[in-house]
């Protein structure tokens, strides 16, 4: 999205500035004040594009710490940890010594308490 905002800044700057003026007016600024703020921030491409992402799209700009590999690993680890909770009963209880229904209800209870 940041690349799209940069493209719009380069190719349709007046429209983007008008959009931001409207957004700031919608938040309570007068047209004159909004135009001053936007004319000032529009001098700085990075600042303006980041503001567009935040105010127009409601997105936070990407940070250097956002690594897809790191996020994927965290999701995988979370899945393993949370996904094993319902299975713990079956891993540690002798299936033949207790009823399947009892194990199932214990599994439900453990899962609910883990949430």
C-alpha atoms as a PDB file:
ATOM      1  CA  UNK A   1       0.000   0.000   0.000  1.00  0.00           C
ATOM      2  CA  UNK A   2       2.886   2.356   0.700  1.00  0.00           C
ATOM      3  CA  UNK A   3       4.111   1.874  -2.876  1.00  0.00           C
ATOM      4  CA  UNK A   4       0.644   2.720  -4.188  1.00  0.00           C
ATOM      5  CA  UNK A   5       0.518   5.891  -2.092  1.00  0.00           C
ATOM      6  CA  UNK A   6       3.976   6.869  -3.386  1.00  0.00           C
ATOM      7  CA  UNK A   7       2.801   6.305  -6.960  1.00  0.00           C
ATOM      8  CA  UNK A   8      -0.284   8.451  -6.346  1.00  0.00           C
ATOM      9  CA  UNK A   9       1.930  11.133  -4.782  1.00  0.00           C
ATOM     10  CA  UNK A  10       4.163  11.170  -7.869  1.00  0.00           C
ATOM     11  CA  UNK A  11       1.347  11.022 -10.440  1.00  0.00           C
ATOM     12  CA  UNK A  12      -1.678  12.678  -8.828  1.00  0.00           C
ATOM     13  CA  UNK A  13      -0.367  14.874  -6.054  1.00  0.00           C
ATOM     14  CA  UNK A  14      -3.105  17.520  -6.234  1.00  0.00           C
ATOM     15  CA  UNK A  15      -5.822  14.899  -5.781  1.00  0.00           C
ATOM     16  CA  UNK A  16      -4.016  13.346  -2.851  1.00  0.00           C
ATOM     17  CA  UNK A  17      -3.591  16.735  -1.199  1.00  0.00           C
ATOM     18  CA  UNK A  18      -7.294  17.490  -1.678  1.00  0.00           C
ATOM     19  CA  UNK A  19      -8.176  14.111  -0.150  1.00  0.00           C
ATOM     20  CA  UNK A  20      -6.047  14.814   2.896  1.00  0.00           C
ATOM     21  CA  UNK A  21      -7.570  18.285   3.303  1.00  0.00           C
ATOM     22  CA  UNK A  22     -11.029  16.680   3.303  1.00  0.00           C
ATOM     23  CA  UNK A  23      -9.913  14.073   5.855  1.00  0.00           C
ATOM     24  CA  UNK A  24      -8.488  16.707   8.183  1.00  0.00           C
ATOM     25  CA  UNK A  25     -11.588  18.878   7.806  1.00  0.00           C
ATOM     26  CA  UNK A  26     -13.661  15.835   8.728  1.00  0.00           C
ATOM     27  CA  UNK A  27     -11.626  15.588  11.910  1.00  0.00           C
ATOM     28  CA  UNK A  28     -12.509  19.161  12.870  1.00  0.00           C
ATOM     29  CA  UNK A  29      -9.940  21.437  11.189  1.00  0.00           C
ATOM     30  CA  UNK A  30     -10.889  24.495   9.203  1.00  0.00           C
ATOM     31  CA  UNK A  31     -10.134  24.376   5.493  1.00  0.00           C
ATOM     32  CA  UNK A  32      -7.399  27.000   5.874  1.00  0.00           C
ATOM     33  CA  UNK A  33      -5.627  25.133   8.662  1.00  0.00           C
ATOM     34  CA  UNK A  34      -5.961  21.802   6.868  1.00  0.00           C
ATOM     35  CA  UNK A  35      -4.474  23.295   3.690  1.00  0.00           C
ATOM     36  CA  UNK A  36      -1.519  24.725   5.652  1.00  0.00           C
ATOM     37  CA  UNK A  37      -0.844  21.347   7.298  1.00  0.00           C
ATOM     38  CA  UNK A  38      -1.143  19.440   4.024  1.00  0.00           C
ATOM     39  CA  UNK A  39       0.959  21.901   2.002  1.00  0.00           C
ATOM     40  CA  UNK A  40       3.664  21.609   4.654  1.00  0.00           C
ATOM     41  CA  UNK A  41       3.638  17.806   4.905  1.00  0.00           C
ATOM     42  CA  UNK A  42       3.362  17.400   1.114  1.00  0.00           C
ATOM     43  CA  UNK A  43       6.862  18.847   0.814  1.00  0.00           C
ATOM     44  CA  UNK A  44       8.154  15.625   2.365  1.00  0.00           C
ATOM     45  CA  UNK A  45       7.172  12.573   0.329  1.00  0.00           C
ATOM     46  CA  UNK A  46       7.830   9.978   3.055  1.00  0.00           C
ATOM     47  CA  UNK A  47       5.886  11.909   5.683  1.00  0.00           C
ATOM     48  CA  UNK A  48       2.975  12.599   3.341  1.00  0.00           C
ATOM     49  CA  UNK A  49       2.693   9.009   2.087  1.00  0.00           C
ATOM     50  CA  UNK A  50       2.857   7.644   5.623  1.00  0.00           C
ATOM     51  CA  UNK A  51       0.122  10.074   6.694  1.00  0.00           C
ATOM     52  CA  UNK A  52      -1.985   8.970   3.732  1.00  0.00           C
ATOM     53  CA  UNK A  53      -1.671   5.346   4.791  1.00  0.00           C
ATOM     54  CA  UNK A  54      -2.638   6.153   8.359  1.00  0.00           C
ATOM     55  CA  UNK A  55      -5.474   8.615   7.748  1.00  0.00           C
ATOM     56  CA  UNK A  56      -6.900   7.466   4.402  1.00  0.00           C
ATOM     57  CA  UNK A  57      -6.495   3.706   4.616  1.00  0.00           C
ATOM     58  CA  UNK A  58      -6.294   3.198   8.381  1.00  0.00           C
ATOM     59  CA  UNK A  59      -3.096   1.154   8.022  1.00  0.00           C
ATOM     60  CA  UNK A  60       0.107   1.404   9.986  1.00  0.00           C
ATOM     61  CA  UNK A  61       3.214   1.795   7.853  1.00  0.00           C
ATOM     62  CA  UNK A  62       5.444  -1.266   7.615  1.00  0.00           C
ATOM     63  CA  UNK A  63       8.298  -1.331  10.073  1.00  0.00           C
ATOM     64  CA  UNK A  64      11.739  -2.822   9.635  1.00  0.00           C
ATOM     65  CA  UNK A  65      10.858  -5.415  12.279  1.00  0.00           C
ATOM     66  CA  UNK A  66       7.976  -6.860  10.217  1.00  0.00           C
ATOM     67  CA  UNK A  67       9.523 -10.014   8.843  1.00  0.00           C
ATOM     68  CA  UNK A  68       7.238 -12.524   7.112  1.00  0.00           C
ATOM     69  CA  UNK A  69       9.521 -15.352   8.236  1.00  0.00           C
ATOM     70  CA  UNK A  70       9.403 -14.220  11.861  1.00  0.00           C
ATOM     71  CA  UNK A  71       5.615 -13.843  11.761  1.00  0.00           C
ATOM     72  CA  UNK A  72       5.259 -17.233  10.089  1.00  0.00           C
ATOM     73  CA  UNK A  73       7.403 -18.912  12.746  1.00  0.00           C
ATOM     74  CA  UNK A  74       5.414 -17.266  15.539  1.00  0.00           C
ATOM     75  CA  UNK A  75       2.144 -18.407  13.948  1.00  0.00           C
ATOM     76  CA  UNK A  76       3.478 -21.955  13.602  1.00  0.00           C
ATOM     77  CA  UNK A  77       4.672 -22.095  17.219  1.00  0.00           C
ATOM     78  CA  UNK A  78       1.347 -20.695  18.450  1.00  0.00           C
ATOM     79  CA  UNK A  79      -0.517 -23.270  16.390  1.00  0.00           C
ATOM     80  CA  UNK A  80       1.553 -26.115  17.838  1.00  0.00           C
ATOM     81  CA  UNK A  81       1.171 -24.923  21.437  1.00  0.00           C
ATOM     82  CA  UNK A  82      -2.560 -24.202  21.209  1.00  0.00           C
ATOM     83  CA  UNK A  83      -3.311 -27.169  18.996  1.00  0.00           C
ATOM     84  CA  UNK A  84      -1.770 -29.681  21.372  1.00  0.00           C
ATOM     85  CA  UNK A  85      -3.979 -28.738  24.347  1.00  0.00           C
ATOM     86  CA  UNK A  86      -6.985 -30.857  23.289  1.00  0.00           C
ATOM     87  CA  UNK A  87      -4.699 -33.807  22.588  1.00  0.00           C
ATOM     88  CA  UNK A  88      -2.909 -33.834  25.952  1.00  0.00           C
ATOM     89  CA  UNK A  89      -5.604 -36.001  27.552  1.00  0.00           C
ATOM     90  CA  UNK A  90      -5.170 -38.650  24.906  1.00  0.00           C
ATOM     91  CA  UNK A  91      -1.380 -38.514  25.171  1.00  0.00           C
ATOM     92  CA  UNK A  92      -1.206 -39.072  28.936  1.00  0.00           C
ATOM     93  CA  UNK A  93      -4.297 -41.120  29.795  1.00  0.00           C
ATOM     94  CA  UNK A  94      -4.571 -44.802  29.082  1.00  0.00           C
ATOM     95  CA  UNK A  95      -7.389 -44.933  26.566  1.00  0.00           C
ATOM     96  CA  UNK A  96      -8.465 -48.425  27.634  1.00  0.00           C
ATOM     97  CA  UNK A  97      -8.781 -47.557  31.323  1.00  0.00           C
ATOM     98  CA  UNK A  98     -11.296 -44.702  30.942  1.00  0.00           C
ATOM     99  CA  UNK A  99     -14.275 -44.071  28.728  1.00  0.00           C
ATOM    100  CA  UNK A 100     -13.881 -42.158  25.507  1.00  0.00           C
ATOM    101  CA  UNK A 101     -16.639 -39.779  26.533  1.00  0.00           C
ATOM    102  CA  UNK A 102     -14.797 -38.872  29.742  1.00  0.00           C
ATOM    103  CA  UNK A 103     -11.587 -38.147  27.849  1.00  0.00           C
ATOM    104  CA  UNK A 104     -13.527 -36.068  25.350  1.00  0.00           C
ATOM    105  CA  UNK A 105     -15.143 -33.935  28.073  1.00  0.00           C
ATOM    106  CA  UNK A 106     -11.793 -33.479  29.823  1.00  0.00           C
ATOM    107  CA  UNK A 107     -10.332 -32.388  26.489  1.00  0.00           C
ATOM    108  CA  UNK A 108     -13.165 -29.873  26.035  1.00  0.00           C
ATOM    109  CA  UNK A 109     -12.586 -28.519  29.544  1.00  0.00           C
ATOM    110  CA  UNK A 110      -8.830 -28.161  29.013  1.00  0.00           C
ATOM    111  CA  UNK A 111      -9.370 -26.402  25.707  1.00  0.00           C
ATOM    112  CA  UNK A 112     -11.899 -23.997  27.215  1.00  0.00           C
ATOM    113  CA  UNK A 113      -9.594 -23.183  30.124  1.00  0.00           C
ATOM    114  CA  UNK A 114      -6.681 -22.601  27.743  1.00  0.00           C
ATOM    115  CA  UNK A 115      -8.697 -20.023  25.846  1.00  0.00           C
END
